[in-house]
Protein backbone atom coordinates (compact mmCIF):
# COMPACT_ATOMS: atom_id res chain seq x y z
CA UNK A 1 0.15 0.01 0.08
CA UNK A 2 1.24 3.24 -1.02
CA UNK A 3 0.76 6.55 0.97
CA UNK A 4 0.31 9.62 -0.75
CA UNK A 5 1.38 12.59 1.32
CA UNK A 6 -0.43 16.07 1.15
CA UNK A 7 1.79 19.00 0.54
CA UNK A 8 1.21 22.17 2.02
CA UNK A 9 3.17 25.36 1.77
CA UNK A 10 4.93 24.39 5.10
CA UNK A 11 5.40 20.87 4.63
CA UNK A 12 3.54 17.99 5.12
CA UNK A 13 -0.31 18.19 6.65
CA UNK A 14 0.35 16.87 10.18
CA UNK A 15 -2.66 14.39 10.40
CA UNK A 16 -1.37 12.85 7.08
CA UNK A 17 1.97 12.64 8.35
CA UNK A 18 0.68 10.92 11.56
CA UNK A 19 -1.12 8.37 9.17
CA UNK A 20 1.94 7.65 7.17
CA UNK A 21 3.94 7.52 10.51
CA UNK A 22 1.69 4.82 11.83
CA UNK A 23 1.57 2.90 8.71
CA UNK A 24 5.38 2.75 8.66
CA UNK A 25 5.63 1.82 12.25
CA UNK A 26 3.34 -1.00 11.39
CA UNK A 27 5.55 -2.38 9.02
CA UNK A 28 7.91 -2.96 11.71
CA UNK A 29 5.62 -5.32 13.84
CA UNK A 30 7.27 -8.39 12.53
CA UNK A 31 10.76 -7.31 13.63
CA UNK A 32 9.16 -6.10 16.92
CA UNK A 33 7.61 -9.53 17.71
CA UNK A 34 10.91 -11.50 16.64
CA UNK A 35 12.78 -9.23 19.30
CA UNK A 36 13.83 -11.92 21.98
CA UNK A 37 13.39 -9.93 24.90
CA UNK A 38 10.89 -7.79 26.74
CA UNK A 39 13.42 -5.35 27.72
CA UNK A 40 14.07 -4.99 23.35
CA UNK A 41 10.45 -4.70 22.67
CA UNK A 42 10.38 -2.07 25.23
CA UNK A 43 13.18 -0.29 23.78
CA UNK A 44 11.83 -0.51 20.40
CA UNK A 45 8.26 1.19 21.43
CA UNK A 46 10.30 3.87 23.13
CA UNK A 47 11.99 4.62 19.80
CA UNK A 48 8.46 4.70 18.06
CA UNK A 49 7.29 6.99 20.73
CA UNK A 50 9.66 9.27 19.94
CA UNK A 51 8.81 9.41 16.41
CA UNK A 52 5.39 10.13 17.48
CA UNK A 53 6.60 12.93 19.70
CA UNK A 54 8.56 14.66 17.07
CA UNK A 55 5.74 13.97 14.16
CA UNK A 56 4.54 17.77 13.92
CA UNK A 57 8.03 18.94 13.25
CA UNK A 58 8.94 15.89 10.74
CA UNK A 59 6.19 17.23 8.79
CA UNK A 60 8.45 20.27 8.07
CA UNK A 61 10.98 17.97 6.36
CA UNK A 62 8.78 17.22 3.51
CA UNK A 63 10.87 14.09 2.69
CA UNK A 64 9.06 11.32 0.61
CA UNK A 65 10.89 8.67 2.53
CA UNK A 66 8.90 8.13 6.08
CA UNK A 67 11.90 6.13 7.69
CA UNK A 68 14.22 9.29 7.48
CA UNK A 69 12.40 11.81 9.70
CA UNK A 70 11.61 8.67 12.04
CA UNK A 71 15.39 8.09 12.36
CA UNK A 72 16.09 11.91 12.76
CA UNK A 73 13.34 12.15 15.44
CA UNK A 74 14.92 9.02 17.48
CA UNK A 75 18.59 10.63 16.87
CA UNK A 76 17.27 14.00 18.62
CA UNK A 77 15.81 12.15 21.29
CA UNK A 78 18.70 10.22 22.05
CA UNK A 79 20.95 13.34 21.71
CA UNK A 80 18.89 15.14 24.33
CA UNK A 81 19.18 11.95 26.59
CA UNK A 82 22.90 12.11 26.23
CA UNK A 83 23.07 15.88 26.91
CA UNK A 84 21.12 15.53 30.10
CA UNK A 85 23.26 12.50 31.17
CA UNK A 86 26.53 14.45 30.30
CA UNK A 87 25.26 17.42 32.35
CA UNK A 88 24.40 15.10 35.29
CA UNK A 89 27.84 13.40 35.02
CA UNK A 90 29.72 16.94 35.20
CA UNK A 91 27.73 18.06 38.02
CA UNK A 92 28.70 14.74 39.83
CA UNK A 93 32.03 15.07 38.95
CA UNK A 94 32.18 18.64 40.46
CA UNK A 95 30.36 17.57 43.65
CA UNK A 96 32.99 14.69 44.17
CA UNK A 97 35.96 16.98 43.47
CA UNK A 98 34.58 19.49 45.99
CA UNK A 99 34.46 16.93 48.96
CA UNK A 100 36.60 17.39 52.00
CA UNK A 101 38.79 14.39 52.40
CA UNK A 102 37.47 12.22 55.00
CA UNK A 103 40.22 11.49 57.51
């Protein structure tokens, strides 16, 4: 089944993109089922949720290949998590360095 995307002056119509996104996610259902652990399936579901979070922004990409904005959404979500972790680790390192030695 081929999805025809409606184009506007500002990218894809968001409702149309949401339909195309869910269609693309559905094409990965056998892959998801084949994942051996519940932990893996949860991670996969989390990735798909990241795609849904950025669906509106993805509509601005006007890219006819649905998987590309999905991957960009996943990368953006992971980059934000990495930056948060790095900031947390930096604060932790500073706190550790400022501790007085115990005698």
